[in-house]
PDB file of N, CA and C in Angstrom:
ATOM      1  N   UNK A   1     -24.206  -0.562   4.750  1.00  0.00           N
ATOM      2  CA  UNK A   1     -24.385   0.618   3.950  1.00  0.00           C
ATOM      3  C   UNK A   1     -24.916   0.195   2.587  1.00  0.00           C
ATOM      4  N   UNK A   2     -25.839   0.936   2.019  1.00  0.00           N
ATOM      5  CA  UNK A   2     -26.355   0.610   0.695  1.00  0.00           C
ATOM      6  C   UNK A   2     -26.349   1.849  -0.170  1.00  0.00           C
ATOM      7  N   UNK A   3     -26.474   1.625  -1.446  1.00  0.00           N
ATOM      8  CA  UNK A   3     -26.534   2.734  -2.382  1.00  0.00           C
ATOM      9  C   UNK A   3     -27.584   2.413  -3.433  1.00  0.00           C
ATOM     10  N   UNK A   4     -28.048   3.429  -4.132  1.00  0.00           N
ATOM     11  CA  UNK A   4     -29.048   3.247  -5.170  1.00  0.00           C
ATOM     12  C   UNK A   4     -28.339   3.123  -6.515  1.00  0.00           C
ATOM     13  N   UNK A   5     -28.660   2.077  -7.259  1.00  0.00           N
ATOM     14  CA  UNK A   5     -28.057   1.873  -8.572  1.00  0.00           C
ATOM     15  C   UNK A   5     -28.884   2.573  -9.640  1.00  0.00           C
ATOM     16  N   UNK A   6     -28.406   2.528 -10.878  1.00  0.00           N
ATOM     17  CA  UNK A   6     -29.113   3.182 -11.983  1.00  0.00           C
ATOM     18  C   UNK A   6     -30.539   2.677 -12.141  1.00  0.00           C
ATOM     19  N   UNK A   7     -30.758   1.419 -11.875  1.00  0.00           N
ATOM     20  CA  UNK A   7     -32.094   0.842 -12.007  1.00  0.00           C
ATOM     21  C   UNK A   7     -33.010   1.203 -10.855  1.00  0.00           C
ATOM     22  N   UNK A   8     -32.502   1.934  -9.871  1.00  0.00           N
ATOM     23  CA  UNK A   8     -33.314   2.361  -8.739  1.00  0.00           C
ATOM     24  C   UNK A   8     -33.365   1.360  -7.604  1.00  0.00           C
ATOM     25  N   UNK A   9     -32.595   0.269  -7.691  1.00  0.00           N
ATOM     26  CA  UNK A   9     -32.593  -0.716  -6.623  1.00  0.00           C
ATOM     27  C   UNK A   9     -31.441  -0.445  -5.671  1.00  0.00           C
ATOM     28  N   UNK A  10     -31.608  -0.864  -4.432  1.00  0.00           N
ATOM     29  CA  UNK A  10     -30.558  -0.683  -3.427  1.00  0.00           C
ATOM     30  C   UNK A  10     -29.564  -1.827  -3.553  1.00  0.00           C
ATOM     31  N   UNK A  11     -28.298  -1.500  -3.401  1.00  0.00           N
ATOM     32  CA  UNK A  11     -27.239  -2.495  -3.483  1.00  0.00           C
ATOM     33  C   UNK A  11     -26.290  -2.279  -2.314  1.00  0.00           C
ATOM     34  N   UNK A  12     -25.892  -3.364  -1.653  1.00  0.00           N
ATOM     35  CA  UNK A  12     -24.951  -3.248  -0.536  1.00  0.00           C
ATOM     36  C   UNK A  12     -23.593  -2.852  -1.073  1.00  0.00           C
ATOM     37  N   UNK A  13     -22.958  -1.906  -0.430  1.00  0.00           N
ATOM     38  CA  UNK A  13     -21.636  -1.444  -0.842  1.00  0.00           C
ATOM     39  C   UNK A  13     -20.584  -2.421  -0.353  1.00  0.00           C
ATOM     40  N   UNK A  14     -19.659  -2.796  -1.220  1.00  0.00           N
ATOM     41  CA  UNK A  14     -18.563  -3.678  -0.839  1.00  0.00           C
ATOM     42  C   UNK A  14     -17.316  -2.880  -0.516  1.00  0.00           C
ATOM     43  N   UNK A  15     -17.389  -1.574  -0.576  1.00  0.00           N
ATOM     44  CA  UNK A  15     -16.247  -0.704  -0.315  1.00  0.00           C
ATOM     45  C   UNK A  15     -15.841  -0.835   1.148  1.00  0.00           C
ATOM     46  N   UNK A  16     -14.599  -1.271   1.438  1.00  0.00           N
ATOM     47  CA  UNK A  16     -14.187  -1.453   2.827  1.00  0.00           C
ATOM     48  C   UNK A  16     -14.041  -0.140   3.593  1.00  0.00           C
ATOM     49  N   UNK A  17     -13.958   0.989   2.901  1.00  0.00           N
ATOM     50  CA  UNK A  17     -13.834   2.278   3.566  1.00  0.00           C
ATOM     51  C   UNK A  17     -14.818   3.258   2.951  1.00  0.00           C
ATOM     52  N   UNK A  18     -16.071   3.222   3.387  1.00  0.00           N
ATOM     53  CA  UNK A  18     -17.063   4.135   2.817  1.00  0.00           C
ATOM     54  C   UNK A  18     -16.690   5.591   3.062  1.00  0.00           C
ATOM     55  N   UNK A  19     -17.157   6.470   2.187  1.00  0.00           N
ATOM     56  CA  UNK A  19     -16.877   7.891   2.345  1.00  0.00           C
ATOM     57  C   UNK A  19     -17.363   8.365   3.704  1.00  0.00           C
ATOM     58  N   UNK A  20     -16.596   9.207   4.322  1.00  0.00           N
ATOM     59  CA  UNK A  20     -16.963   9.716   5.631  1.00  0.00           C
ATOM     60  C   UNK A  20     -16.458   8.842   6.770  1.00  0.00           C
ATOM     61  N   UNK A  21     -15.902   7.690   6.457  1.00  0.00           N
ATOM     62  CA  UNK A  21     -15.387   6.800   7.483  1.00  0.00           C
ATOM     63  C   UNK A  21     -13.985   7.258   7.884  1.00  0.00           C
ATOM     64  N   UNK A  22     -13.641   7.061   9.153  1.00  0.00           N
ATOM     65  CA  UNK A  22     -12.310   7.452   9.610  1.00  0.00           C
ATOM     66  C   UNK A  22     -11.311   6.310   9.446  1.00  0.00           C
ATOM     67  N   UNK A  23     -11.765   5.137   9.012  1.00  0.00           N
ATOM     68  CA  UNK A  23     -10.875   3.997   8.818  1.00  0.00           C
ATOM     69  C   UNK A  23     -10.298   4.018   7.408  1.00  0.00           C
ATOM     70  N   UNK A  24      -9.003   3.761   7.322  1.00  0.00           N
ATOM     71  CA  UNK A  24      -8.348   3.652   6.026  1.00  0.00           C
ATOM     72  C   UNK A  24      -8.202   2.177   5.682  1.00  0.00           C
ATOM     73  N   UNK A  25      -8.285   1.855   4.412  1.00  0.00           N
ATOM     74  CA  UNK A  25      -8.139   0.475   3.973  1.00  0.00           C
ATOM     75  C   UNK A  25      -7.429   0.420   2.636  1.00  0.00           C
ATOM     76  N   UNK A  26      -7.220  -0.789   2.148  1.00  0.00           N
ATOM     77  CA  UNK A  26      -6.583  -0.984   0.853  1.00  0.00           C
ATOM     78  C   UNK A  26      -7.627  -0.929  -0.251  1.00  0.00           C
ATOM     79  N   UNK A  27      -7.198  -0.611  -1.445  1.00  0.00           N
ATOM     80  CA  UNK A  27      -8.071  -0.558  -2.608  1.00  0.00           C
ATOM     81  C   UNK A  27      -8.187  -1.961  -3.197  1.00  0.00           C
ATOM     82  N   UNK A  28      -9.405  -2.494  -3.332  1.00  0.00           N
ATOM     83  CA  UNK A  28      -9.563  -3.813  -3.957  1.00  0.00           C
ATOM     84  C   UNK A  28      -9.127  -3.767  -5.425  1.00  0.00           C
ATOM     85  N   UNK A  29      -8.562  -4.848  -5.904  1.00  0.00           N
ATOM     86  CA  UNK A  29      -8.075  -4.919  -7.278  1.00  0.00           C
ATOM     87  C   UNK A  29      -9.188  -4.643  -8.284  1.00  0.00           C
ATOM     88  N   UNK A  30     -10.414  -5.043  -7.974  1.00  0.00           N
ATOM     89  CA  UNK A  30     -11.538  -4.833  -8.892  1.00  0.00           C
ATOM     90  C   UNK A  30     -11.883  -3.364  -9.069  1.00  0.00           C
ATOM     91  N   UNK A  31     -11.481  -2.506  -8.124  1.00  0.00           N
ATOM     92  CA  UNK A  31     -11.781  -1.075  -8.198  1.00  0.00           C
ATOM     93  C   UNK A  31     -10.596  -0.242  -8.683  1.00  0.00           C
ATOM     94  N   UNK A  32      -9.463  -0.888  -8.958  1.00  0.00           N
ATOM     95  CA  UNK A  32      -8.246  -0.178  -9.336  1.00  0.00           C
ATOM     96  C   UNK A  32      -8.343   0.373 -10.750  1.00  0.00           C
ATOM     97  N   UNK A  33      -7.864   1.600 -10.939  1.00  0.00           N
ATOM     98  CA  UNK A  33      -7.809   2.247 -12.250  1.00  0.00           C
ATOM     99  C   UNK A  33      -6.361   2.670 -12.478  1.00  0.00           C
ATOM    100  N   UNK A  34      -5.708   2.088 -13.482  1.00  0.00           N
ATOM    101  CA  UNK A  34      -4.285   2.368 -13.703  1.00  0.00           C
ATOM    102  C   UNK A  34      -4.006   3.819 -14.069  1.00  0.00           C
ATOM    103  N   UNK A  35      -5.015   4.574 -14.493  1.00  0.00           N
ATOM    104  CA  UNK A  35      -4.822   5.971 -14.878  1.00  0.00           C
ATOM    105  C   UNK A  35      -5.101   6.941 -13.733  1.00  0.00           C
ATOM    106  N   UNK A  36      -5.512   6.439 -12.584  1.00  0.00           N
ATOM    107  CA  UNK A  36      -5.781   7.281 -11.417  1.00  0.00           C
ATOM    108  C   UNK A  36      -4.529   7.305 -10.542  1.00  0.00           C
ATOM    109  N   UNK A  37      -4.103   8.480 -10.103  1.00  0.00           N
ATOM    110  CA  UNK A  37      -2.892   8.585  -9.279  1.00  0.00           C
ATOM    111  C   UNK A  37      -3.170   8.300  -7.804  1.00  0.00           C
ATOM    112  N   UNK A  38      -4.416   8.397  -7.380  1.00  0.00           N
ATOM    113  CA  UNK A  38      -4.833   8.184  -5.992  1.00  0.00           C
ATOM    114  C   UNK A  38      -4.155   9.148  -5.025  1.00  0.00           C
ATOM    115  N   UNK A  39      -3.661  10.283  -5.529  1.00  0.00           N
ATOM    116  CA  UNK A  39      -3.132  11.343  -4.674  1.00  0.00           C
ATOM    117  C   UNK A  39      -4.314  12.178  -4.207  1.00  0.00           C
ATOM    118  N   UNK A  40      -4.530  12.212  -2.911  1.00  0.00           N
ATOM    119  CA  UNK A  40      -5.666  12.926  -2.346  1.00  0.00           C
ATOM    120  C   UNK A  40      -5.197  13.821  -1.211  1.00  0.00           C
ATOM    121  N   UNK A  41      -5.852  14.965  -1.046  1.00  0.00           N
ATOM    122  CA  UNK A  41      -5.531  15.863   0.062  1.00  0.00           C
ATOM    123  C   UNK A  41      -5.845  15.158   1.376  1.00  0.00           C
ATOM    124  N   UNK A  42      -7.024  14.568   1.465  1.00  0.00           N
ATOM    125  CA  UNK A  42      -7.406  13.766   2.624  1.00  0.00           C
ATOM    126  C   UNK A  42      -7.379  12.308   2.183  1.00  0.00           C
ATOM    127  N   UNK A  43      -6.380  11.534   2.603  1.00  0.00           N
ATOM    128  CA  UNK A  43      -6.255  10.152   2.136  1.00  0.00           C
ATOM    129  C   UNK A  43      -7.471   9.308   2.507  1.00  0.00           C
ATOM    130  N   UNK A  44      -7.875   8.443   1.586  1.00  0.00           N
ATOM    131  CA  UNK A  44      -8.969   7.517   1.854  1.00  0.00           C
ATOM    132  C   UNK A  44      -8.486   6.072   1.777  1.00  0.00           C
ATOM    133  N   UNK A  45      -7.217   5.873   1.451  1.00  0.00           N
ATOM    134  CA  UNK A  45      -6.635   4.533   1.332  1.00  0.00           C
ATOM    135  C   UNK A  45      -5.290   4.480   2.042  1.00  0.00           C
ATOM    136  N   UNK A  46      -4.929   3.289   2.518  1.00  0.00           N
ATOM    137  CA  UNK A  46      -3.603   3.083   3.087  1.00  0.00           C
ATOM    138  C   UNK A  46      -2.579   3.074   1.962  1.00  0.00           C
ATOM    139  N   UNK A  47      -1.414   3.606   2.227  1.00  0.00           N
ATOM    140  CA  UNK A  47      -0.316   3.590   1.261  1.00  0.00           C
ATOM    141  C   UNK A  47       0.845   2.824   1.895  1.00  0.00           C
ATOM    142  N   UNK A  48       1.537   2.041   1.082  1.00  0.00           N
ATOM    143  CA  UNK A  48       2.655   1.256   1.596  1.00  0.00           C
ATOM    144  C   UNK A  48       3.665   1.023   0.482  1.00  0.00           C
ATOM    145  N   UNK A  49       4.813   0.473   0.837  1.00  0.00           N
ATOM    146  CA  UNK A  49       5.868   0.153  -0.129  1.00  0.00           C
ATOM    147  C   UNK A  49       6.261  -1.307   0.030  1.00  0.00           C
ATOM    148  N   UNK A  50       6.715  -1.911  -1.063  1.00  0.00           N
ATOM    149  CA  UNK A  50       7.226  -3.283  -1.045  1.00  0.00           C
ATOM    150  C   UNK A  50       8.654  -3.233  -1.567  1.00  0.00           C
ATOM    151  N   UNK A  51       9.561  -3.880  -0.848  1.00  0.00           N
ATOM    152  CA  UNK A  51      10.942  -3.983  -1.310  1.00  0.00           C
ATOM    153  C   UNK A  51      11.216  -5.440  -1.659  1.00  0.00           C
ATOM    154  N   UNK A  52      11.579  -5.682  -2.916  1.00  0.00           N
ATOM    155  CA  UNK A  52      11.880  -7.024  -3.401  1.00  0.00           C
ATOM    156  C   UNK A  52      13.394  -7.210  -3.409  1.00  0.00           C
ATOM    157  N   UNK A  53      13.857  -8.371  -2.937  1.00  0.00           N
ATOM    158  CA  UNK A  53      15.282  -8.694  -2.982  1.00  0.00           C
ATOM    159  C   UNK A  53      15.433 -10.123  -3.490  1.00  0.00           C
ATOM    160  N   UNK A  54      16.378 -10.313  -4.403  1.00  0.00           N
ATOM    161  CA  UNK A  54      16.715 -11.649  -4.886  1.00  0.00           C
ATOM    162  C   UNK A  54      18.120 -11.948  -4.389  1.00  0.00           C
ATOM    163  N   UNK A  55      18.252 -13.047  -3.655  1.00  0.00           N
ATOM    164  CA  UNK A  55      19.550 -13.414  -3.097  1.00  0.00           C
ATOM    165  C   UNK A  55      19.949 -14.808  -3.583  1.00  0.00           C
ATOM    166  N   UNK A  56      21.223 -14.944  -3.908  1.00  0.00           N
ATOM    167  CA  UNK A  56      21.795 -16.229  -4.290  1.00  0.00           C
ATOM    168  C   UNK A  56      23.001 -16.443  -3.388  1.00  0.00           C
ATOM    169  N   UNK A  57      23.028 -17.561  -2.697  1.00  0.00           N
ATOM    170  CA  UNK A  57      24.102 -17.859  -1.745  1.00  0.00           C
ATOM    171  C   UNK A  57      24.278 -16.717  -0.744  1.00  0.00           C
ATOM    172  N   UNK A  58      23.188 -16.220  -0.221  1.00  0.00           N
ATOM    173  CA  UNK A  58      23.160 -15.139   0.773  1.00  0.00           C
ATOM    174  C   UNK A  58      23.720 -13.817   0.259  1.00  0.00           C
ATOM    175  N   UNK A  59      23.808 -13.642  -1.053  1.00  0.00           N
ATOM    176  CA  UNK A  59      24.244 -12.375  -1.642  1.00  0.00           C
ATOM    177  C   UNK A  59      23.094 -11.797  -2.452  1.00  0.00           C
ATOM    178  N   UNK A  60      22.794 -10.538  -2.195  1.00  0.00           N
ATOM    179  CA  UNK A  60      21.725  -9.870  -2.931  1.00  0.00           C
ATOM    180  C   UNK A  60      22.204  -9.611  -4.356  1.00  0.00           C
ATOM    181  N   UNK A  61      21.457 -10.131  -5.341  1.00  0.00           N
ATOM    182  CA  UNK A  61      21.834  -9.942  -6.741  1.00  0.00           C
ATOM    183  C   UNK A  61      20.894  -8.978  -7.457  1.00  0.00           C
ATOM    184  N   UNK A  62      19.732  -8.719  -6.869  1.00  0.00           N
ATOM    185  CA  UNK A  62      18.795  -7.766  -7.481  1.00  0.00           C
ATOM    186  C   UNK A  62      17.880  -7.201  -6.400  1.00  0.00           C
ATOM    187  N   UNK A  63      17.546  -5.914  -6.561  1.00  0.00           N
ATOM    188  CA  UNK A  63      16.618  -5.252  -5.643  1.00  0.00           C
ATOM    189  C   UNK A  63      15.677  -4.380  -6.458  1.00  0.00           C
ATOM    190  N   UNK A  64      14.454  -4.276  -5.976  1.00  0.00           N
ATOM    191  CA  UNK A  64      13.477  -3.398  -6.611  1.00  0.00           C
ATOM    192  C   UNK A  64      12.513  -2.947  -5.524  1.00  0.00           C
ATOM    193  N   UNK A  65      12.014  -1.738  -5.654  1.00  0.00           N
ATOM    194  CA  UNK A  65      11.065  -1.207  -4.678  1.00  0.00           C
ATOM    195  C   UNK A  65       9.840  -0.674  -5.391  1.00  0.00           C
ATOM    196  N   UNK A  66       8.678  -1.100  -4.927  1.00  0.00           N
ATOM    197  CA  UNK A  66       7.399  -0.559  -5.393  1.00  0.00           C
ATOM    198  C   UNK A  66       6.945   0.400  -4.306  1.00  0.00           C
ATOM    199  N   UNK A  67       6.815   1.692  -4.633  1.00  0.00           N
ATOM    200  CA  UNK A  67       6.472   2.687  -3.624  1.00  0.00           C
ATOM    201  C   UNK A  67       5.078   3.246  -3.829  1.00  0.00           C
ATOM    202  N   UNK A  68       4.509   3.720  -2.732  1.00  0.00           N
ATOM    203  CA  UNK A  68       3.229   4.422  -2.751  1.00  0.00           C
ATOM    204  C   UNK A  68       2.094   3.575  -3.316  1.00  0.00           C
ATOM    205  N   UNK A  69       2.003   2.330  -2.874  1.00  0.00           N
ATOM    206  CA  UNK A  69       0.966   1.412  -3.346  1.00  0.00           C
ATOM    207  C   UNK A  69      -0.320   1.594  -2.562  1.00  0.00           C
ATOM    208  N   UNK A  70      -1.460   1.381  -3.216  1.00  0.00           N
ATOM    209  CA  UNK A  70      -2.761   1.455  -2.546  1.00  0.00           C
ATOM    210  C   UNK A  70      -3.546   0.161  -2.701  1.00  0.00           C
ATOM    211  N   UNK A  71      -3.115  -0.727  -3.604  1.00  0.00           N
ATOM    212  CA  UNK A  71      -3.816  -1.989  -3.834  1.00  0.00           C
ATOM    213  C   UNK A  71      -3.638  -2.942  -2.664  1.00  0.00           C
ATOM    214  N   UNK A  72      -4.571  -3.860  -2.507  1.00  0.00           N
ATOM    215  CA  UNK A  72      -4.440  -4.874  -1.469  1.00  0.00           C
ATOM    216  C   UNK A  72      -3.133  -5.629  -1.692  1.00  0.00           C
ATOM    217  N   UNK A  73      -2.391  -5.955  -0.638  1.00  0.00           N
ATOM    218  CA  UNK A  73      -1.108  -6.642  -0.807  1.00  0.00           C
ATOM    219  C   UNK A  73      -1.222  -7.961  -1.577  1.00  0.00           C
ATOM    220  N   UNK A  74      -2.352  -8.634  -1.506  1.00  0.00           N
ATOM    221  CA  UNK A  74      -2.526  -9.901  -2.227  1.00  0.00           C
ATOM    222  C   UNK A  74      -2.460  -9.717  -3.740  1.00  0.00           C
ATOM    223  N   UNK A  75      -2.610  -8.493  -4.235  1.00  0.00           N
ATOM    224  CA  UNK A  75      -2.529  -8.231  -5.677  1.00  0.00           C
ATOM    225  C   UNK A  75      -1.098  -8.346  -6.183  1.00  0.00           C
ATOM    226  N   UNK A  76      -0.142  -8.392  -5.277  1.00  0.00           N
ATOM    227  CA  UNK A  76       1.255  -8.526  -5.657  1.00  0.00           C
ATOM    228  C   UNK A  76       1.726  -9.914  -5.365  1.00  0.00           C
TER     229      UNK A  76
END
């Protein structure tokens, strides 16, 4: 898939889920905008949650959950 840039040249799209595609994917870190909620009527990205647990001597001492993530898991 290609698109036309401001200079009028064609550029290959690196977007893993082009518009109109039925496949959902993760949002690359380079395209992330911290002010965008990414709440969409028709989802275009996969959403997931991460649960963090810290255990000492097999006892959980801290827990945290990141919910409704759209970034690639490698960003965490």
